[in-house]
Amino acid sequence: LKLMLKDQKHVLAVEIMNGKYYDTGNKIEYMKTVVEFALRHPEINGEFKRFLNDLRI
């Protein structure tokens, strides 16, 4: 973003307040994000929790 502004590119942005930032730019952070969202999703969290428990990790 800073580089785009430095190069005088047109940028539309908003600062997120009181939220959680998810960095999906690397494989492990992407996987953590997917797991967290799956556990929070009301339609799939039960089945996903059972799946994780069945892994016995």
Protein backbone atom coordinates (compact mmCIF):
# COMPACT_ATOMS: atom_id res chain seq x y z
CA LEU A 1 0.00 0.00 0.00
CA LYS A 2 2.79 2.39 0.89
CA LEU A 3 4.52 1.67 -2.41
CA MET A 4 1.32 2.26 -4.34
CA LEU A 5 0.83 5.59 -2.60
CA LYS A 6 4.47 6.49 -3.21
CA ASP A 7 3.99 5.77 -6.92
CA GLN A 8 0.88 8.00 -6.84
CA LYS A 9 -1.43 5.12 -7.68
CA HIS A 10 -5.15 5.52 -7.02
CA VAL A 11 -5.94 3.62 -3.82
CA LEU A 12 -9.22 2.96 -2.04
CA ALA A 13 -8.76 1.67 1.49
CA VAL A 14 -10.37 1.60 4.90
CA GLU A 15 -8.80 0.91 8.27
CA ILE A 16 -10.47 -1.99 10.03
CA MET A 17 -11.18 -1.13 13.64
CA ASN A 18 -11.84 -3.69 16.38
CA GLY A 19 -11.40 -6.60 14.01
CA LYS A 20 -9.02 -9.47 13.55
CA TYR A 21 -6.48 -9.42 10.75
CA TYR A 22 -5.87 -12.70 8.93
CA ASP A 23 -2.62 -13.04 6.99
CA THR A 24 -3.16 -15.68 4.34
CA GLY A 25 0.05 -14.88 2.49
CA ASN A 26 1.80 -18.06 3.63
CA LYS A 27 0.63 -21.65 3.83
CA ILE A 28 0.48 -22.10 7.62
CA GLU A 29 -1.38 -18.83 8.26
CA TYR A 30 -3.81 -19.69 5.46
CA MET A 31 -4.53 -23.07 7.05
CA LYS A 32 -4.99 -21.51 10.51
CA THR A 33 -7.50 -19.09 9.02
CA VAL A 34 -9.45 -21.81 7.24
CA VAL A 35 -9.62 -23.93 10.41
CA GLU A 36 -10.75 -21.00 12.54
CA PHE A 37 -13.48 -20.05 10.07
CA ALA A 38 -14.64 -23.67 9.80
CA LEU A 39 -14.91 -23.93 13.59
CA ARG A 40 -16.96 -20.72 13.73
CA HIS A 41 -19.29 -21.61 10.85
CA PRO A 42 -22.68 -22.69 12.26
CA GLU A 43 -23.46 -25.11 9.41
CA ILE A 44 -20.21 -27.10 9.47
CA ASN A 45 -18.53 -26.59 12.84
CA GLY A 46 -19.95 -29.76 14.42
CA GLU A 47 -18.86 -32.04 11.61
CA PHE A 48 -15.50 -30.27 11.37
CA LYS A 49 -14.87 -30.68 15.12
CA ARG A 50 -15.65 -34.39 14.81
CA PHE A 51 -13.23 -34.63 11.90
CA LEU A 52 -10.47 -32.99 13.95
CA ASN A 53 -11.16 -35.26 16.92
CA ASP A 54 -11.01 -38.32 14.67
CA LEU A 55 -7.50 -37.31 13.61
CA ARG A 56 -6.35 -37.96 17.20
CA ILE A 57 -3.61 -35.35 17.07
